[in-house]
N, C-alpha and C. Protein backbone atom coordinates (compact mmCIF):
# COMPACT_ATOMS: atom_id res chain seq x y z
N MET A 1 -97.31 -221.18 33.89
CA MET A 1 -97.54 -219.78 33.61
C MET A 1 -96.79 -218.94 34.63
N GLY A 2 -96.07 -217.93 34.17
CA GLY A 2 -95.28 -217.08 35.04
C GLY A 2 -96.12 -216.03 35.74
N THR A 3 -95.49 -215.34 36.65
CA THR A 3 -96.17 -214.27 37.38
C THR A 3 -95.74 -212.92 36.82
N ASN A 4 -96.64 -211.97 36.92
CA ASN A 4 -96.35 -210.61 36.51
C ASN A 4 -96.09 -209.76 37.74
N ILE A 5 -95.06 -208.96 37.66
CA ILE A 5 -94.73 -208.02 38.72
C ILE A 5 -94.81 -206.63 38.11
N LEU A 6 -95.59 -205.77 38.73
CA LEU A 6 -95.71 -204.39 38.26
C LEU A 6 -94.71 -203.54 39.02
N LEU A 7 -93.77 -202.95 38.31
CA LEU A 7 -92.77 -202.07 38.91
C LEU A 7 -93.12 -200.64 38.56
N GLY A 8 -93.59 -199.88 39.55
CA GLY A 8 -93.93 -198.48 39.33
C GLY A 8 -92.70 -197.61 39.54
N VAL A 9 -92.39 -196.78 38.56
CA VAL A 9 -91.21 -195.91 38.66
C VAL A 9 -91.58 -194.46 38.40
N ASP A 10 -90.87 -193.59 39.07
CA ASP A 10 -91.05 -192.15 38.94
C ASP A 10 -89.71 -191.56 38.49
N ALA A 11 -89.70 -190.88 37.36
CA ALA A 11 -88.45 -190.34 36.81
C ALA A 11 -87.84 -189.27 37.71
N LEU A 12 -88.64 -188.56 38.48
CA LEU A 12 -88.10 -187.52 39.35
C LEU A 12 -87.49 -188.08 40.63
N HIS A 13 -88.01 -189.20 41.10
CA HIS A 13 -87.53 -189.79 42.36
C HIS A 13 -87.19 -191.26 42.15
N TYR A 14 -86.48 -191.56 41.10
CA TYR A 14 -86.19 -192.94 40.77
C TYR A 14 -85.38 -193.62 41.86
N ALA A 15 -85.84 -194.79 42.27
CA ALA A 15 -85.14 -195.60 43.27
C ALA A 15 -84.70 -196.90 42.61
N ALA A 16 -83.43 -197.02 42.35
CA ALA A 16 -82.90 -198.21 41.70
C ALA A 16 -83.14 -199.47 42.52
N GLU A 17 -83.30 -199.30 43.84
CA GLU A 17 -83.52 -200.44 44.71
C GLU A 17 -84.80 -201.20 44.34
N ALA A 18 -85.82 -200.48 43.88
CA ALA A 18 -87.08 -201.13 43.49
C ALA A 18 -86.87 -202.01 42.26
N ALA A 19 -86.10 -201.54 41.30
CA ALA A 19 -85.80 -202.35 40.11
C ALA A 19 -84.98 -203.58 40.50
N ASP A 20 -84.04 -203.40 41.43
CA ASP A 20 -83.27 -204.54 41.93
C ASP A 20 -84.19 -205.58 42.56
N MET A 21 -85.14 -205.12 43.37
CA MET A 21 -86.06 -206.03 44.05
C MET A 21 -86.95 -206.76 43.05
N ALA A 22 -87.47 -206.05 42.06
CA ALA A 22 -88.30 -206.70 41.05
C ALA A 22 -87.51 -207.79 40.33
N ARG A 23 -86.25 -207.50 40.05
CA ARG A 23 -85.39 -208.50 39.39
C ARG A 23 -85.22 -209.72 40.30
N GLU A 24 -85.01 -209.49 41.59
CA GLU A 24 -84.80 -210.60 42.52
C GLU A 24 -86.07 -211.43 42.72
N LEU A 25 -87.23 -210.85 42.53
CA LEU A 25 -88.49 -211.57 42.71
C LEU A 25 -88.81 -212.49 41.53
N CYS A 26 -88.13 -212.33 40.42
CA CYS A 26 -88.36 -213.18 39.25
C CYS A 26 -87.55 -214.45 39.38
N HIS A 27 -88.26 -215.58 39.43
CA HIS A 27 -87.58 -216.87 39.59
C HIS A 27 -87.84 -217.81 38.42
N ALA A 28 -89.04 -217.80 37.90
CA ALA A 28 -89.40 -218.72 36.82
C ALA A 28 -89.08 -218.07 35.46
N PRO A 29 -88.81 -218.89 34.47
CA PRO A 29 -88.50 -218.35 33.14
C PRO A 29 -89.64 -217.51 32.54
N ASP A 30 -90.88 -217.78 32.93
CA ASP A 30 -92.01 -217.04 32.38
C ASP A 30 -92.39 -215.81 33.21
N ASP A 31 -91.69 -215.55 34.30
CA ASP A 31 -91.99 -214.36 35.10
C ASP A 31 -91.70 -213.11 34.27
N LYS A 32 -92.50 -212.07 34.49
CA LYS A 32 -92.34 -210.85 33.69
C LYS A 32 -92.48 -209.63 34.60
N VAL A 33 -91.71 -208.60 34.30
CA VAL A 33 -91.81 -207.32 34.99
C VAL A 33 -92.41 -206.30 34.03
N ILE A 34 -93.47 -205.65 34.48
CA ILE A 34 -94.06 -204.55 33.71
C ILE A 34 -93.56 -203.27 34.35
N VAL A 35 -92.75 -202.51 33.63
CA VAL A 35 -92.18 -201.26 34.14
C VAL A 35 -93.16 -200.15 33.78
N LEU A 36 -93.77 -199.57 34.81
CA LEU A 36 -94.82 -198.58 34.61
C LEU A 36 -94.40 -197.20 35.10
N HIS A 37 -94.61 -196.21 34.25
CA HIS A 37 -94.48 -194.81 34.66
C HIS A 37 -95.81 -194.14 34.36
N VAL A 38 -96.26 -193.28 35.28
CA VAL A 38 -97.52 -192.56 35.09
C VAL A 38 -97.22 -191.07 34.99
N HIS A 39 -97.58 -190.48 33.85
CA HIS A 39 -97.47 -189.03 33.69
C HIS A 39 -98.68 -188.38 34.36
N GLU A 40 -98.42 -187.31 35.08
CA GLU A 40 -99.48 -186.60 35.80
C GLU A 40 -99.81 -185.30 35.07
N PHE A 41 -101.10 -185.07 34.82
CA PHE A 41 -101.54 -183.89 34.09
C PHE A 41 -102.53 -183.09 34.92
N ALA A 42 -102.43 -181.78 34.80
CA ALA A 42 -103.39 -180.86 35.41
C ALA A 42 -104.12 -180.14 34.29
N VAL A 43 -105.39 -179.86 34.51
CA VAL A 43 -106.18 -179.13 33.53
C VAL A 43 -106.68 -177.86 34.22
N GLY A 44 -106.44 -176.75 33.58
CA GLY A 44 -106.86 -175.48 34.16
C GLY A 44 -107.20 -174.48 33.08
N ARG A 45 -107.22 -173.25 33.45
CA ARG A 45 -107.64 -172.21 32.50
C ARG A 45 -106.67 -172.03 31.34
N PHE A 46 -105.44 -172.52 31.52
CA PHE A 46 -104.46 -172.40 30.44
C PHE A 46 -104.32 -173.69 29.64
N GLY A 47 -105.22 -174.62 29.87
CA GLY A 47 -105.20 -175.88 29.13
C GLY A 47 -104.66 -177.03 29.95
N ARG A 48 -104.26 -178.06 29.25
CA ARG A 48 -103.75 -179.29 29.86
C ARG A 48 -102.24 -179.18 29.95
N MET A 49 -101.70 -179.46 31.17
CA MET A 49 -100.27 -179.30 31.37
C MET A 49 -99.71 -180.51 32.14
N GLN A 50 -98.61 -181.05 31.63
CA GLN A 50 -97.94 -182.15 32.32
C GLN A 50 -97.17 -181.58 33.49
N VAL A 51 -97.34 -182.17 34.68
CA VAL A 51 -96.75 -181.58 35.89
C VAL A 51 -95.67 -182.46 36.52
N ASP A 52 -95.34 -183.58 35.90
CA ASP A 52 -94.31 -184.40 36.51
C ASP A 52 -92.96 -184.16 35.85
N CYS A 53 -92.53 -185.02 34.98
CA CYS A 53 -91.22 -184.91 34.34
C CYS A 53 -91.40 -184.80 32.84
N PRO A 54 -90.37 -184.37 32.13
CA PRO A 54 -90.45 -184.38 30.67
C PRO A 54 -90.62 -185.81 30.15
N GLU A 55 -91.39 -185.97 29.07
CA GLU A 55 -91.64 -187.31 28.53
C GLU A 55 -90.36 -188.04 28.18
N THR A 56 -89.38 -187.31 27.68
CA THR A 56 -88.12 -187.97 27.30
C THR A 56 -87.42 -188.58 28.50
N ASP A 57 -87.52 -187.94 29.68
CA ASP A 57 -86.91 -188.50 30.89
C ASP A 57 -87.57 -189.82 31.26
N ALA A 58 -88.89 -189.86 31.21
CA ALA A 58 -89.62 -191.09 31.53
C ALA A 58 -89.32 -192.18 30.52
N ASP A 59 -89.33 -191.84 29.24
CA ASP A 59 -89.02 -192.82 28.19
C ASP A 59 -87.62 -193.41 28.38
N ARG A 60 -86.67 -192.54 28.66
CA ARG A 60 -85.29 -192.98 28.86
C ARG A 60 -85.19 -193.89 30.09
N LEU A 61 -85.88 -193.53 31.17
CA LEU A 61 -85.84 -194.31 32.40
C LEU A 61 -86.43 -195.70 32.20
N VAL A 62 -87.65 -195.79 31.70
CA VAL A 62 -88.29 -197.10 31.56
C VAL A 62 -87.56 -197.98 30.56
N THR A 63 -87.02 -197.38 29.50
CA THR A 63 -86.24 -198.15 28.53
C THR A 63 -84.97 -198.68 29.16
N SER A 64 -84.31 -197.86 29.96
CA SER A 64 -83.08 -198.30 30.62
C SER A 64 -83.35 -199.44 31.61
N ILE A 65 -84.43 -199.33 32.36
CA ILE A 65 -84.78 -200.39 33.31
C ILE A 65 -85.11 -201.68 32.55
N LYS A 66 -85.91 -201.56 31.50
CA LYS A 66 -86.25 -202.74 30.70
C LYS A 66 -85.00 -203.40 30.15
N THR A 67 -84.08 -202.60 29.63
CA THR A 67 -82.83 -203.15 29.09
C THR A 67 -82.02 -203.86 30.17
N SER A 68 -81.93 -203.25 31.36
CA SER A 68 -81.16 -203.88 32.44
C SER A 68 -81.79 -205.20 32.87
N LEU A 69 -83.11 -205.30 32.80
CA LEU A 69 -83.78 -206.56 33.15
C LEU A 69 -83.60 -207.61 32.05
N THR A 70 -83.81 -207.22 30.80
CA THR A 70 -83.68 -208.19 29.71
C THR A 70 -82.24 -208.65 29.53
N ASP A 71 -81.28 -207.79 29.88
CA ASP A 71 -79.86 -208.18 29.78
C ASP A 71 -79.52 -209.33 30.72
N VAL A 72 -80.28 -209.49 31.81
CA VAL A 72 -80.03 -210.60 32.73
C VAL A 72 -81.05 -211.72 32.55
N GLY A 73 -81.78 -211.69 31.42
CA GLY A 73 -82.67 -212.79 31.07
C GLY A 73 -84.09 -212.71 31.62
N ILE A 74 -84.51 -211.55 32.09
CA ILE A 74 -85.86 -211.40 32.62
C ILE A 74 -86.75 -210.75 31.56
N LYS A 75 -87.92 -211.31 31.38
CA LYS A 75 -88.89 -210.73 30.45
C LYS A 75 -89.38 -209.41 31.05
N ALA A 76 -89.43 -208.38 30.23
CA ALA A 76 -89.88 -207.07 30.71
C ALA A 76 -90.59 -206.34 29.59
N GLU A 77 -91.57 -205.55 29.99
CA GLU A 77 -92.22 -204.66 29.04
C GLU A 77 -92.42 -203.31 29.71
N VAL A 78 -92.63 -202.32 28.89
CA VAL A 78 -92.75 -200.93 29.34
C VAL A 78 -94.17 -200.46 29.11
N GLU A 79 -94.66 -199.70 30.05
CA GLU A 79 -95.98 -199.08 29.88
C GLU A 79 -95.94 -197.69 30.48
N ILE A 80 -96.43 -196.72 29.72
CA ILE A 80 -96.56 -195.35 30.22
C ILE A 80 -98.03 -194.98 30.14
N ARG A 81 -98.57 -194.56 31.27
CA ARG A 81 -99.98 -194.16 31.34
C ARG A 81 -100.06 -192.70 31.75
N GLU A 82 -101.27 -192.16 31.66
CA GLU A 82 -101.52 -190.78 32.06
C GLU A 82 -102.59 -190.75 33.14
N ALA A 83 -102.48 -189.76 34.04
CA ALA A 83 -103.47 -189.60 35.11
C ALA A 83 -103.62 -188.12 35.43
N HIS A 84 -104.82 -187.77 35.90
CA HIS A 84 -105.03 -186.42 36.39
C HIS A 84 -104.31 -186.27 37.72
N VAL A 85 -103.97 -185.05 38.08
CA VAL A 85 -103.30 -184.78 39.35
C VAL A 85 -104.07 -185.47 40.48
N GLY A 86 -103.34 -186.18 41.32
CA GLY A 86 -103.94 -186.85 42.46
C GLY A 86 -104.45 -188.25 42.20
N HIS A 87 -104.30 -188.75 40.96
CA HIS A 87 -104.85 -190.06 40.62
C HIS A 87 -103.78 -191.06 40.18
N ILE A 88 -102.54 -190.81 40.54
CA ILE A 88 -101.47 -191.73 40.14
C ILE A 88 -101.65 -193.09 40.81
N ALA A 89 -101.97 -193.11 42.09
CA ALA A 89 -102.11 -194.38 42.82
C ALA A 89 -103.20 -195.25 42.20
N SER A 90 -104.35 -194.67 41.88
CA SER A 90 -105.43 -195.46 41.28
C SER A 90 -105.04 -195.94 39.88
N THR A 91 -104.23 -195.16 39.18
CA THR A 91 -103.76 -195.58 37.85
C THR A 91 -102.79 -196.76 37.97
N ILE A 92 -101.95 -196.74 38.98
CA ILE A 92 -101.04 -197.87 39.23
C ILE A 92 -101.84 -199.13 39.53
N ILE A 93 -102.87 -198.99 40.36
CA ILE A 93 -103.69 -200.14 40.72
C ILE A 93 -104.46 -200.67 39.49
N GLU A 94 -104.96 -199.77 38.66
CA GLU A 94 -105.64 -200.18 37.42
C GLU A 94 -104.69 -200.97 36.51
N ALA A 95 -103.45 -200.50 36.41
CA ALA A 95 -102.46 -201.21 35.59
C ALA A 95 -102.16 -202.59 36.17
N ALA A 96 -102.05 -202.67 37.48
CA ALA A 96 -101.80 -203.96 38.13
C ALA A 96 -102.96 -204.91 37.88
N ASP A 97 -104.18 -204.40 37.96
CA ASP A 97 -105.36 -205.22 37.68
C ASP A 97 -105.37 -205.67 36.22
N HIS A 98 -105.07 -204.75 35.32
CA HIS A 98 -105.05 -205.05 33.88
C HIS A 98 -104.06 -206.17 33.56
N HIS A 99 -102.90 -206.14 34.19
CA HIS A 99 -101.85 -207.13 33.92
C HIS A 99 -101.93 -208.33 34.86
N ASN A 100 -102.94 -208.35 35.74
CA ASN A 100 -103.07 -209.41 36.75
C ASN A 100 -101.75 -209.62 37.48
N ALA A 101 -101.19 -208.51 37.97
CA ALA A 101 -99.89 -208.55 38.64
C ALA A 101 -99.99 -209.31 39.96
N TRP A 102 -99.02 -210.13 40.20
CA TRP A 102 -98.92 -210.85 41.46
C TRP A 102 -98.58 -209.88 42.59
N MET A 103 -97.77 -208.86 42.27
CA MET A 103 -97.32 -207.90 43.27
C MET A 103 -97.00 -206.58 42.59
N ILE A 104 -97.19 -205.50 43.37
CA ILE A 104 -96.80 -204.16 42.94
C ILE A 104 -95.53 -203.80 43.71
N VAL A 105 -94.49 -203.40 43.00
CA VAL A 105 -93.24 -202.98 43.62
C VAL A 105 -93.03 -201.50 43.35
N LEU A 106 -92.82 -200.75 44.42
CA LEU A 106 -92.59 -199.31 44.32
C LEU A 106 -91.33 -198.95 45.08
N GLY A 107 -90.63 -197.96 44.60
CA GLY A 107 -89.48 -197.46 45.34
C GLY A 107 -89.91 -196.36 46.29
N SER A 108 -89.23 -196.25 47.39
CA SER A 108 -89.51 -195.18 48.33
C SER A 108 -89.14 -193.86 47.68
N ALA A 109 -90.02 -192.88 47.83
CA ALA A 109 -89.79 -191.58 47.20
C ALA A 109 -88.77 -190.76 47.96
N HIS A 110 -88.53 -191.10 49.21
CA HIS A 110 -87.67 -190.28 50.04
C HIS A 110 -86.62 -191.11 50.74
N SER A 111 -85.52 -190.47 51.00
CA SER A 111 -84.50 -191.04 51.87
C SER A 111 -84.57 -190.23 53.15
N THR A 112 -85.14 -190.80 54.18
CA THR A 112 -85.41 -190.02 55.38
C THR A 112 -84.97 -190.76 56.64
N ASP A 113 -84.71 -190.01 57.68
CA ASP A 113 -84.38 -190.59 58.97
C ASP A 113 -85.62 -190.74 59.85
N LEU A 114 -86.76 -190.25 59.36
CA LEU A 114 -87.98 -190.35 60.14
C LEU A 114 -88.54 -191.76 60.03
N PRO A 115 -88.60 -192.52 61.12
CA PRO A 115 -89.03 -193.91 61.01
C PRO A 115 -90.51 -194.07 60.64
N HIS A 116 -91.34 -193.07 60.92
CA HIS A 116 -92.76 -193.21 60.63
C HIS A 116 -93.15 -192.70 59.25
N VAL A 117 -92.21 -192.20 58.45
CA VAL A 117 -92.51 -191.72 57.10
C VAL A 117 -91.48 -192.29 56.11
N PRO A 118 -91.49 -193.61 55.89
CA PRO A 118 -90.49 -194.17 54.99
C PRO A 118 -90.86 -194.12 53.52
N PHE A 119 -92.04 -193.59 53.19
CA PHE A 119 -92.45 -193.57 51.80
C PHE A 119 -93.31 -192.36 51.53
N GLY A 120 -93.54 -192.11 50.25
CA GLY A 120 -94.29 -190.93 49.84
C GLY A 120 -95.79 -191.17 49.81
N SER A 121 -96.51 -190.14 49.44
CA SER A 121 -97.97 -190.21 49.46
C SER A 121 -98.53 -191.19 48.43
N ILE A 122 -97.86 -191.33 47.29
CA ILE A 122 -98.35 -192.27 46.27
C ILE A 122 -98.25 -193.69 46.81
N SER A 123 -97.11 -194.03 47.39
CA SER A 123 -96.93 -195.37 47.96
C SER A 123 -97.97 -195.64 49.04
N LEU A 124 -98.20 -194.66 49.87
CA LEU A 124 -99.18 -194.81 50.95
C LEU A 124 -100.58 -195.05 50.38
N LYS A 125 -100.96 -194.30 49.36
CA LYS A 125 -102.28 -194.49 48.73
C LYS A 125 -102.38 -195.87 48.10
N VAL A 126 -101.32 -196.32 47.41
CA VAL A 126 -101.35 -197.64 46.80
C VAL A 126 -101.48 -198.71 47.88
N LEU A 127 -100.75 -198.56 48.98
CA LEU A 127 -100.85 -199.52 50.09
C LEU A 127 -102.28 -199.63 50.61
N HIS A 128 -102.97 -198.53 50.70
CA HIS A 128 -104.33 -198.52 51.24
C HIS A 128 -105.38 -198.98 50.23
N LEU A 129 -105.16 -198.76 48.95
CA LEU A 129 -106.18 -199.06 47.95
C LEU A 129 -106.03 -200.43 47.29
N ALA A 130 -104.82 -200.97 47.28
CA ALA A 130 -104.55 -202.19 46.51
C ALA A 130 -105.20 -203.42 47.14
N LYS A 131 -105.60 -204.33 46.29
CA LYS A 131 -106.16 -205.61 46.71
C LYS A 131 -105.17 -206.75 46.47
N ARG A 132 -103.94 -206.38 46.24
CA ARG A 132 -102.87 -207.36 46.01
C ARG A 132 -101.65 -206.90 46.80
N PRO A 133 -100.65 -207.74 46.97
CA PRO A 133 -99.46 -207.34 47.74
C PRO A 133 -98.75 -206.13 47.12
N VAL A 134 -98.28 -205.25 47.99
CA VAL A 134 -97.52 -204.07 47.58
C VAL A 134 -96.23 -204.08 48.38
N LEU A 135 -95.13 -203.91 47.68
CA LEU A 135 -93.82 -203.87 48.33
C LEU A 135 -93.22 -202.50 48.08
N VAL A 136 -92.98 -201.75 49.16
CA VAL A 136 -92.32 -200.45 49.05
C VAL A 136 -90.88 -200.67 49.48
N VAL A 137 -89.97 -200.48 48.54
CA VAL A 137 -88.55 -200.78 48.77
C VAL A 137 -87.85 -199.51 49.24
N PRO A 138 -87.25 -199.55 50.44
CA PRO A 138 -86.57 -198.35 50.94
C PRO A 138 -85.30 -198.05 50.16
N ARG A 139 -84.93 -196.79 50.18
CA ARG A 139 -83.68 -196.37 49.54
C ARG A 139 -82.51 -196.73 50.45
N ARG A 140 -81.39 -196.92 49.82
CA ARG A 140 -80.14 -197.11 50.56
C ARG A 140 -79.07 -196.40 49.76
N ALA A 141 -77.96 -196.17 50.37
CA ALA A 141 -76.85 -195.54 49.65
C ALA A 141 -76.37 -196.54 48.62
N VAL A 142 -76.41 -196.15 47.36
CA VAL A 142 -76.01 -197.03 46.26
C VAL A 142 -74.79 -196.43 45.60
N THR A 143 -73.74 -197.20 45.57
CA THR A 143 -72.51 -196.74 44.94
C THR A 143 -72.50 -197.17 43.48
N GLU A 144 -71.66 -196.54 42.70
CA GLU A 144 -71.54 -196.92 41.30
C GLU A 144 -71.09 -198.38 41.17
N ALA A 145 -70.23 -198.84 42.08
CA ALA A 145 -69.76 -200.23 42.02
C ALA A 145 -70.92 -201.20 42.21
N SER A 146 -71.82 -200.91 43.16
CA SER A 146 -72.95 -201.81 43.38
C SER A 146 -73.93 -201.74 42.21
N ARG A 147 -74.04 -200.58 41.56
CA ARG A 147 -74.92 -200.48 40.39
C ARG A 147 -74.40 -201.37 39.27
N GLU A 148 -73.10 -201.34 39.03
CA GLU A 148 -72.52 -202.16 37.98
C GLU A 148 -72.70 -203.64 38.30
N GLN A 149 -72.58 -203.98 39.58
CA GLN A 149 -72.71 -205.36 40.01
C GLN A 149 -74.13 -205.87 39.79
N THR A 150 -75.15 -205.04 40.03
CA THR A 150 -76.54 -205.46 39.87
C THR A 150 -77.05 -205.24 38.47
N GLY A 151 -76.31 -204.55 37.63
CA GLY A 151 -76.73 -204.33 36.26
C GLY A 151 -77.65 -203.14 36.08
N VAL A 152 -77.82 -202.31 37.11
CA VAL A 152 -78.67 -201.13 37.01
C VAL A 152 -77.79 -199.95 36.66
N ARG A 153 -78.17 -199.25 35.61
CA ARG A 153 -77.37 -198.13 35.13
C ARG A 153 -77.89 -196.83 35.70
N ARG A 154 -76.98 -195.90 36.00
CA ARG A 154 -77.38 -194.57 36.46
C ARG A 154 -77.76 -193.76 35.24
N LEU A 155 -78.89 -193.08 35.35
CA LEU A 155 -79.39 -192.28 34.24
C LEU A 155 -78.99 -190.84 34.41
N ALA A 156 -79.06 -190.08 33.34
CA ALA A 156 -78.74 -188.66 33.39
C ALA A 156 -79.69 -187.91 34.32
N THR A 157 -80.92 -188.41 34.49
CA THR A 157 -81.90 -187.75 35.34
C THR A 157 -81.73 -188.10 36.81
N GLU A 158 -80.86 -189.05 37.09
CA GLU A 158 -80.69 -189.55 38.45
C GLU A 158 -79.48 -188.85 39.08
N PRO A 159 -79.57 -188.39 40.33
CA PRO A 159 -78.42 -187.76 40.95
C PRO A 159 -77.30 -188.77 41.19
N ALA A 160 -76.08 -188.31 41.09
CA ALA A 160 -74.94 -189.19 41.32
C ALA A 160 -74.86 -189.56 42.79
N ALA A 161 -74.48 -190.83 43.06
CA ALA A 161 -74.34 -191.28 44.45
C ALA A 161 -73.12 -190.61 45.07
N GLY A 162 -73.23 -190.38 46.35
CA GLY A 162 -72.05 -189.78 46.96
C GLY A 162 -72.27 -189.11 48.22
């Protein structure tokens, strides 16, 4: 029986390095990557409002990641969940529990020179709340040549390297 790896992705701060790492962690033919995006919603006097990215951006991102994984022979599935503002981390952990993930892989939300803040608040919350291994993959300068080499495609929502 293979292992499940939960790859949490954010369309606004997508880190291709996390997808690369999830791909590298798959060794057995039955290993699978669950590509998860969580839409964040706020409820107020004007109703329910999505506060993260447009749904089409998230759909395009998770589909592109799934395709890049399946193109190299890795089993992958896509999941999009919803959470109230401030509950993304607990939603990621619930998804990991649901899929019995061996590990949660997240990309760093920031590219920073501050050594004590290498990740965003969601990653920090997941690190503190999770009962399973969590890997926060730091960003690095990624060139188009290295993207082609690893099979990760740049999306329209992703800023060009440079």
